Amino acid sequence: MSEVKDVMQAMDIATKAVKKAGLMFAWINNVKKEDTYWIVEVAGLVGRYIVKISVPTGEVVEFRSASQ
Protein backbone atom coordinates (compact mmCIF):
# COMPACT_ATOMS: atom_id res chain seq x y z
CA MET A 1 0.00 0.00 0.00
CA SER A 2 1.04 3.60 -0.21
CA GLU A 3 0.69 6.89 1.63
CA VAL A 4 -2.85 7.99 2.45
CA LYS A 5 -2.94 11.63 1.38
CA ASP A 6 -6.53 12.65 2.00
CA VAL A 7 -9.81 11.93 3.75
CA MET A 8 -11.32 10.18 0.73
CA GLN A 9 -8.52 7.60 0.66
CA ALA A 10 -8.87 7.02 4.39
CA MET A 11 -12.63 6.53 4.01
CA ASP A 12 -12.12 4.01 1.18
CA ILE A 13 -9.67 1.97 3.27
CA ALA A 14 -11.97 2.06 6.32
CA THR A 15 -14.97 1.00 4.21
CA LYS A 16 -13.06 -2.02 2.90
CA ALA A 17 -12.04 -2.97 6.47
CA VAL A 18 -15.63 -2.66 7.70
CA LYS A 19 -16.97 -4.84 4.89
CA LYS A 20 -14.21 -7.41 5.47
CA ALA A 21 -15.27 -7.51 9.15
CA GLY A 22 -18.78 -8.43 8.00
CA LEU A 23 -20.54 -5.19 8.95
CA MET A 24 -22.98 -4.75 6.08
CA PHE A 25 -24.91 -1.74 7.36
CA ALA A 26 -22.37 0.85 8.49
CA TRP A 27 -21.58 4.47 7.78
CA ILE A 28 -18.69 6.81 8.50
CA ASN A 29 -19.36 9.41 11.19
CA ASN A 30 -16.02 11.17 11.46
CA VAL A 31 -12.53 11.18 9.97
CA LYS A 32 -9.56 12.98 11.49
CA LYS A 33 -5.80 12.90 11.16
CA GLU A 34 -3.73 12.53 14.33
CA ASP A 35 0.05 12.55 13.89
CA THR A 36 0.79 9.67 11.52
CA TYR A 37 -2.66 8.05 11.65
CA TRP A 38 -6.09 8.55 10.16
CA ILE A 39 -8.79 7.83 12.76
CA VAL A 40 -12.10 6.84 11.16
CA GLU A 41 -15.20 6.53 13.33
CA VAL A 42 -17.78 4.14 11.93
CA ALA A 43 -21.34 3.55 13.14
CA GLY A 44 -23.57 0.64 12.27
CA LEU A 45 -26.60 -1.29 13.35
CA VAL A 46 -24.51 -3.36 15.75
CA GLY A 47 -22.38 -0.62 17.32
CA ARG A 48 -19.67 1.95 16.78
CA TYR A 49 -16.10 1.20 15.68
CA ILE A 50 -12.74 2.92 15.30
CA VAL A 51 -10.51 2.18 12.32
CA LYS A 52 -6.93 3.45 12.69
CA ILE A 53 -4.95 3.73 9.46
CA SER A 54 -1.23 4.41 9.10
CA VAL A 55 -0.66 7.52 6.94
CA PRO A 56 2.71 6.40 5.47
CA THR A 57 1.65 2.83 4.59
CA GLY A 58 -2.16 2.87 4.28
CA GLU A 59 -2.41 -0.22 6.47
CA VAL A 60 -5.19 -0.69 9.00
CA VAL A 61 -3.29 -0.93 12.28
CA GLU A 62 -6.31 -1.06 14.59
CA PHE A 63 -9.97 -2.02 14.30
CA ARG A 64 -11.91 -1.92 17.55
CA SER A 65 -15.21 -1.17 19.17
CA ALA A 66 -15.56 2.52 20.05
CA SER A 67 -16.71 1.56 23.56
CA GLN A 68 -13.24 0.23 24.49
PDB file of N, CA and C in Angstrom:
ATOM      1  N   MET A   1       0.841  -1.177   0.000  1.00  0.00           N
ATOM      2  CA  MET A   1       0.000   0.000   0.000  1.00  0.00           C
ATOM      3  C   MET A   1       0.891   1.247   0.000  1.00  0.00           C
ATOM      4  N   SER A   2       0.266   2.378  -0.167  1.00  0.00           N
ATOM      5  CA  SER A   2       1.045   3.605  -0.213  1.00  0.00           C
ATOM      6  C   SER A   2       0.445   4.677   0.694  1.00  0.00           C
ATOM      7  N   GLU A   3       1.092   5.808   0.735  1.00  0.00           N
ATOM      8  CA  GLU A   3       0.692   6.893   1.630  1.00  0.00           C
ATOM      9  C   GLU A   3      -0.766   7.310   1.403  1.00  0.00           C
ATOM     10  N   VAL A   4      -1.460   7.538   2.501  1.00  0.00           N
ATOM     11  CA  VAL A   4      -2.850   7.994   2.453  1.00  0.00           C
ATOM     12  C   VAL A   4      -2.814   9.508   2.558  1.00  0.00           C
ATOM     13  N   LYS A   5      -3.127  10.185   1.451  1.00  0.00           N
ATOM     14  CA  LYS A   5      -2.935  11.628   1.381  1.00  0.00           C
ATOM     15  C   LYS A   5      -4.159  12.446   1.759  1.00  0.00           C
ATOM     16  N   ASP A   6      -5.347  11.846   1.709  1.00  0.00           N
ATOM     17  CA  ASP A   6      -6.532  12.654   2.001  1.00  0.00           C
ATOM     18  C   ASP A   6      -7.643  11.830   2.651  1.00  0.00           C
ATOM     19  N   VAL A   7      -8.679  12.540   3.041  1.00  0.00           N
ATOM     20  CA  VAL A   7      -9.811  11.933   3.746  1.00  0.00           C
ATOM     21  C   VAL A   7     -10.488  10.872   2.887  1.00  0.00           C
ATOM     22  N   MET A   8     -10.638  11.133   1.611  1.00  0.00           N
ATOM     23  CA  MET A   8     -11.322  10.179   0.733  1.00  0.00           C
ATOM     24  C   MET A   8     -10.606   8.837   0.691  1.00  0.00           C
ATOM     25  N   GLN A   9      -9.281   8.855   0.637  1.00  0.00           N
ATOM     26  CA  GLN A   9      -8.524   7.604   0.655  1.00  0.00           C
ATOM     27  C   GLN A   9      -8.712   6.884   1.983  1.00  0.00           C
ATOM     28  N   ALA A  10      -8.675   7.631   3.076  1.00  0.00           N
ATOM     29  CA  ALA A  10      -8.870   7.024   4.394  1.00  0.00           C
ATOM     30  C   ALA A  10     -10.262   6.395   4.498  1.00  0.00           C
ATOM     31  N   MET A  11     -11.271   7.071   3.976  1.00  0.00           N
ATOM     32  CA  MET A  11     -12.631   6.525   4.009  1.00  0.00           C
ATOM     33  C   MET A  11     -12.743   5.252   3.178  1.00  0.00           C
ATOM     34  N   ASP A  12     -12.095   5.216   2.024  1.00  0.00           N
ATOM     35  CA  ASP A  12     -12.117   4.013   1.181  1.00  0.00           C
ATOM     36  C   ASP A  12     -11.490   2.821   1.901  1.00  0.00           C
ATOM     37  N   ILE A  13     -10.353   3.047   2.537  1.00  0.00           N
ATOM     38  CA  ILE A  13      -9.669   1.968   3.266  1.00  0.00           C
ATOM     39  C   ILE A  13     -10.536   1.491   4.433  1.00  0.00           C
ATOM     40  N   ALA A  14     -11.118   2.419   5.184  1.00  0.00           N
ATOM     41  CA  ALA A  14     -11.969   2.057   6.319  1.00  0.00           C
ATOM     42  C   ALA A  14     -13.200   1.286   5.858  1.00  0.00           C
ATOM     43  N   THR A  15     -13.788   1.699   4.741  1.00  0.00           N
ATOM     44  CA  THR A  15     -14.967   1.004   4.205  1.00  0.00           C
ATOM     45  C   THR A  15     -14.637  -0.442   3.848  1.00  0.00           C
ATOM     46  N   LYS A  16     -13.491  -0.655   3.238  1.00  0.00           N
ATOM     47  CA  LYS A  16     -13.063  -2.018   2.903  1.00  0.00           C
ATOM     48  C   LYS A  16     -12.862  -2.853   4.170  1.00  0.00           C
ATOM     49  N   ALA A  17     -12.270  -2.254   5.206  1.00  0.00           N
ATOM     50  CA  ALA A  17     -12.045  -2.972   6.466  1.00  0.00           C
ATOM     51  C   ALA A  17     -13.371  -3.336   7.127  1.00  0.00           C
ATOM     52  N   VAL A  18     -14.313  -2.418   7.094  1.00  0.00           N
ATOM     53  CA  VAL A  18     -15.628  -2.655   7.702  1.00  0.00           C
ATOM     54  C   VAL A  18     -16.344  -3.789   6.977  1.00  0.00           C
ATOM     55  N   LYS A  19     -16.321  -3.774   5.659  1.00  0.00           N
ATOM     56  CA  LYS A  19     -16.965  -4.845   4.885  1.00  0.00           C
ATOM     57  C   LYS A  19     -16.285  -6.184   5.134  1.00  0.00           C
ATOM     58  N   LYS A  20     -14.960  -6.171   5.211  1.00  0.00           N
ATOM     59  CA  LYS A  20     -14.211  -7.407   5.473  1.00  0.00           C
ATOM     60  C   LYS A  20     -14.562  -7.976   6.850  1.00  0.00           C
ATOM     61  N   ALA A  21     -14.878  -7.072   7.806  1.00  0.00           N
ATOM     62  CA  ALA A  21     -15.268  -7.506   9.154  1.00  0.00           C
ATOM     63  C   ALA A  21     -16.707  -8.032   9.187  1.00  0.00           C
ATOM     64  N   GLY A  22     -17.423  -7.893   8.071  1.00  0.00           N
ATOM     65  CA  GLY A  22     -18.780  -8.433   8.005  1.00  0.00           C
ATOM     66  C   GLY A  22     -19.870  -7.466   8.440  1.00  0.00           C
ATOM     67  N   LEU A  23     -19.545  -6.190   8.564  1.00  0.00           N
ATOM     68  CA  LEU A  23     -20.539  -5.188   8.947  1.00  0.00           C
ATOM     69  C   LEU A  23     -21.170  -4.632   7.675  1.00  0.00           C
ATOM     70  N   MET A  24     -22.345  -5.119   7.347  1.00  0.00           N
ATOM     71  CA  MET A  24     -22.976  -4.754   6.082  1.00  0.00           C
ATOM     72  C   MET A  24     -23.635  -3.373   6.127  1.00  0.00           C
ATOM     73  N   PHE A  25     -24.214  -3.015   7.245  1.00  0.00           N
ATOM     74  CA  PHE A  25     -24.912  -1.738   7.357  1.00  0.00           C
ATOM     75  C   PHE A  25     -24.117  -0.826   8.292  1.00  0.00           C
ATOM     76  N   ALA A  26     -23.223  -0.043   7.702  1.00  0.00           N
ATOM     77  CA  ALA A  26     -22.370   0.850   8.489  1.00  0.00           C
ATOM     78  C   ALA A  26     -22.120   2.123   7.692  1.00  0.00           C
ATOM     79  N   TRP A  27     -21.863   3.187   8.412  1.00  0.00           N
ATOM     80  CA  TRP A  27     -21.580   4.471   7.780  1.00  0.00           C
ATOM     81  C   TRP A  27     -20.493   5.190   8.562  1.00  0.00           C
ATOM     82  N   ILE A  28     -19.787   6.070   7.890  1.00  0.00           N
ATOM     83  CA  ILE A  28     -18.688   6.805   8.501  1.00  0.00           C
ATOM     84  C   ILE A  28     -19.227   8.074   9.148  1.00  0.00           C
ATOM     85  N   ASN A  29     -18.913   8.234  10.432  1.00  0.00           N
ATOM     86  CA  ASN A  29     -19.360   9.406  11.191  1.00  0.00           C
ATOM     87  C   ASN A  29     -18.337  10.525  11.211  1.00  0.00           C
ATOM     88  N   ASN A  30     -17.056  10.156  11.268  1.00  0.00           N
ATOM     89  CA  ASN A  30     -16.024  11.174  11.457  1.00  0.00           C
ATOM     90  C   ASN A  30     -14.686  10.637  10.968  1.00  0.00           C
ATOM     91  N   VAL A  31     -13.889  11.528  10.391  1.00  0.00           N
ATOM     92  CA  VAL A  31     -12.527  11.181   9.974  1.00  0.00           C
ATOM     93  C   VAL A  31     -11.618  12.317  10.426  1.00  0.00           C
ATOM     94  N   LYS A  32     -10.522  11.955  11.096  1.00  0.00           N
ATOM     95  CA  LYS A  32      -9.561  12.984  11.494  1.00  0.00           C
ATOM     96  C   LYS A  32      -8.156  12.411  11.413  1.00  0.00           C
ATOM     97  N   LYS A  33      -7.200  13.308  11.241  1.00  0.00           N
ATOM     98  CA  LYS A  33      -5.800  12.904  11.164  1.00  0.00           C
ATOM     99  C   LYS A  33      -5.127  13.290  12.474  1.00  0.00           C
ATOM    100  N   GLU A  34      -4.478  12.310  13.094  1.00  0.00           N
ATOM    101  CA  GLU A  34      -3.734  12.527  14.331  1.00  0.00           C
ATOM    102  C   GLU A  34      -2.317  12.000  14.129  1.00  0.00           C
ATOM    103  N   ASP A  35      -1.362  12.907  14.103  1.00  0.00           N
ATOM    104  CA  ASP A  35       0.046  12.554  13.893  1.00  0.00           C
ATOM    105  C   ASP A  35       0.194  11.747  12.597  1.00  0.00           C
ATOM    106  N   THR A  36       0.578  10.493  12.710  1.00  0.00           N
ATOM    107  CA  THR A  36       0.791   9.670  11.516  1.00  0.00           C
ATOM    108  C   THR A  36      -0.323   8.650  11.307  1.00  0.00           C
ATOM    109  N   TYR A  37      -1.524   8.963  11.794  1.00  0.00           N
ATOM    110  CA  TYR A  37      -2.660   8.049  11.648  1.00  0.00           C
ATOM    111  C   TYR A  37      -3.919   8.790  11.216  1.00  0.00           C
ATOM    112  N   TRP A  38      -4.718   8.119  10.413  1.00  0.00           N
ATOM    113  CA  TRP A  38      -6.086   8.550  10.163  1.00  0.00           C
ATOM    114  C   TRP A  38      -6.967   7.774  11.122  1.00  0.00           C
ATOM    115  N   ILE A  39      -7.851   8.452  11.830  1.00  0.00           N
ATOM    116  CA  ILE A  39      -8.787   7.828  12.757  1.00  0.00           C
ATOM    117  C   ILE A  39     -10.181   7.966  12.136  1.00  0.00           C
ATOM    118  N   VAL A  40     -10.783   6.838  11.808  1.00  0.00           N
ATOM    119  CA  VAL A  40     -12.096   6.844  11.158  1.00  0.00           C
ATOM    120  C   VAL A  40     -13.105   6.236  12.128  1.00  0.00           C
ATOM    121  N   GLU A  41     -14.131   7.001  12.454  1.00  0.00           N
ATOM    122  CA  GLU A  41     -15.204   6.534  13.330  1.00  0.00           C
ATOM    123  C   GLU A  41     -16.351   6.029  12.465  1.00  0.00           C
ATOM    124  N   VAL A  42     -16.751   4.798  12.720  1.00  0.00           N
ATOM    125  CA  VAL A  42     -17.782   4.139  11.930  1.00  0.00           C
ATOM    126  C   VAL A  42     -18.932   3.741  12.845  1.00  0.00           C
ATOM    127  N   ALA A  43     -20.149   3.978  12.394  1.00  0.00           N
ATOM    128  CA  ALA A  43     -21.342   3.555  13.140  1.00  0.00           C
ATOM    129  C   ALA A  43     -22.099   2.541  12.291  1.00  0.00           C
ATOM    130  N   GLY A  44     -22.774   1.648  12.977  1.00  0.00           N
ATOM    131  CA  GLY A  44     -23.569   0.644  12.275  1.00  0.00           C
ATOM    132  C   GLY A  44     -24.714   0.175  13.133  1.00  0.00           C
ATOM    133  N   LEU A  45     -25.454  -0.764  12.614  1.00  0.00           N
ATOM    134  CA  LEU A  45     -26.599  -1.294  13.350  1.00  0.00           C
ATOM    135  C   LEU A  45     -26.189  -2.050  14.604  1.00  0.00           C
ATOM    136  N   VAL A  46     -24.960  -2.543  14.617  1.00  0.00           N
ATOM    137  CA  VAL A  46     -24.508  -3.362  15.752  1.00  0.00           C
ATOM    138  C   VAL A  46     -23.491  -2.654  16.640  1.00  0.00           C
ATOM    139  N   GLY A  47     -23.298  -1.342  16.441  1.00  0.00           N
ATOM    140  CA  GLY A  47     -22.382  -0.616  17.316  1.00  0.00           C
ATOM    141  C   GLY A  47     -21.536   0.392  16.577  1.00  0.00           C
ATOM    142  N   ARG A  48     -20.589   0.957  17.323  1.00  0.00           N
ATOM    143  CA  ARG A  48     -19.668   1.952  16.776  1.00  0.00           C
ATOM    144  C   ARG A  48     -18.252   1.391  16.819  1.00  0.00           C
ATOM    145  N   TYR A  49     -17.443   1.740  15.812  1.00  0.00           N
ATOM    146  CA  TYR A  49     -16.098   1.196  15.683  1.00  0.00           C
ATOM    147  C   TYR A  49     -15.105   2.290  15.324  1.00  0.00           C
ATOM    148  N   ILE A  50     -13.852   2.037  15.647  1.00  0.00           N
ATOM    149  CA  ILE A  50     -12.741   2.916  15.295  1.00  0.00           C
ATOM    150  C   ILE A  50     -11.808   2.140  14.371  1.00  0.00           C
ATOM    151  N   VAL A  51     -11.485   2.751  13.241  1.00  0.00           N
ATOM    152  CA  VAL A  51     -10.509   2.179  12.317  1.00  0.00           C
ATOM    153  C   VAL A  51      -9.317   3.137  12.296  1.00  0.00           C
ATOM    154  N   LYS A  52      -8.151   2.637  12.652  1.00  0.00           N
ATOM    155  CA  LYS A  52      -6.934   3.450  12.695  1.00  0.00           C
ATOM    156  C   LYS A  52      -6.040   3.025  11.533  1.00  0.00           C
ATOM    157  N   ILE A  53      -5.691   4.001  10.689  1.00  0.00           N
ATOM    158  CA  ILE A  53      -4.949   3.729   9.461  1.00  0.00           C
ATOM    159  C   ILE A  53      -3.626   4.483   9.484  1.00  0.00           C
ATOM    160  N   SER A  54      -2.548   3.787   9.177  1.00  0.00           N
ATOM    161  CA  SER A  54      -1.226   4.410   9.104  1.00  0.00           C
ATOM    162  C   SER A  54      -1.159   5.316   7.873  1.00  0.00           C
ATOM    163  N   VAL A  55      -0.781   6.576   8.069  1.00  0.00           N
ATOM    164  CA  VAL A  55      -0.662   7.516   6.943  1.00  0.00           C
ATOM    165  C   VAL A  55       0.423   7.066   5.959  1.00  0.00           C
ATOM    166  N   PRO A  56       1.642   6.732   6.430  1.00  0.00           N
ATOM    167  CA  PRO A  56       2.708   6.395   5.472  1.00  0.00           C
ATOM    168  C   PRO A  56       2.460   5.117   4.662  1.00  0.00           C
ATOM    169  N   THR A  57       1.788   4.127   5.266  1.00  0.00           N
ATOM    170  CA  THR A  57       1.647   2.833   4.587  1.00  0.00           C
ATOM    171  C   THR A  57       0.242   2.537   4.086  1.00  0.00           C
ATOM    172  N   GLY A  58      -0.783   3.159   4.655  1.00  0.00           N
ATOM    173  CA  GLY A  58      -2.164   2.870   4.278  1.00  0.00           C
ATOM    174  C   GLY A  58      -2.704   1.599   4.896  1.00  0.00           C
ATOM    175  N   GLU A  59      -1.965   1.022   5.813  1.00  0.00           N
ATOM    176  CA  GLU A  59      -2.409  -0.217   6.468  1.00  0.00           C
ATOM    177  C   GLU A  59      -3.328   0.082   7.641  1.00  0.00           C
ATOM    178  N   VAL A  60      -4.325  -0.785   7.824  1.00  0.00           N
ATOM    179  CA  VAL A  60      -5.185  -0.690   8.996  1.00  0.00           C
ATOM    180  C   VAL A  60      -4.394  -1.285  10.157  1.00  0.00           C
ATOM    181  N   VAL A  61      -4.095  -0.465  11.154  1.00  0.00           N
ATOM    182  CA  VAL A  61      -3.290  -0.925  12.277  1.00  0.00           C
ATOM    183  C   VAL A  61      -4.153  -1.219  13.506  1.00  0.00           C
ATOM    184  N   GLU A  62      -5.414  -0.786  13.463  1.00  0.00           N
ATOM    185  CA  GLU A  62      -6.308  -1.056  14.585  1.00  0.00           C
ATOM    186  C   GLU A  62      -7.755  -1.006  14.102  1.00  0.00           C
ATOM    187  N   PHE A  63      -8.541  -1.970  14.558  1.00  0.00           N
ATOM    188  CA  PHE A  63      -9.972  -2.016  14.295  1.00  0.00           C
ATOM    189  C   PHE A  63     -10.610  -2.473  15.590  1.00  0.00           C
ATOM    190  N   ARG A  64     -11.372  -1.574  16.226  1.00  0.00           N
ATOM    191  CA  ARG A  64     -11.908  -1.921  17.549  1.00  0.00           C
ATOM    192  C   ARG A  64     -13.266  -1.275  17.765  1.00  0.00           C
ATOM    193  N   SER A  65     -13.957  -1.773  18.757  1.00  0.00           N
ATOM    194  CA  SER A  65     -15.211  -1.175  19.170  1.00  0.00           C
ATOM    195  C   SER A  65     -14.922   0.189  19.788  1.00  0.00           C
ATOM    196  N   ALA A  66     -15.762   1.171  19.510  1.00  0.00           N
ATOM    197  CA  ALA A  66     -15.563   2.516  20.051  1.00  0.00           C
ATOM    198  C   ALA A  66     -15.792   2.576  21.551  1.00  0.00           C
ATOM    199  N   SER A  67     -16.429   1.566  22.122  1.00  0.00           N
ATOM    200  CA  SER A  67     -16.707   1.560  23.559  1.00  0.00           C
ATOM    201  C   SER A  67     -15.504   1.127  24.384  1.00  0.00           C
ATOM    202  N   GLN A  68     -14.427   0.674  23.759  1.00  0.00           N
ATOM    203  CA  GLN A  68     -13.238   0.225  24.486  1.00  0.00           C
ATOM    204  C   GLN A  68     -12.387   1.379  24.911  1.00  0.00           C
TER     205      GLN A  68
END
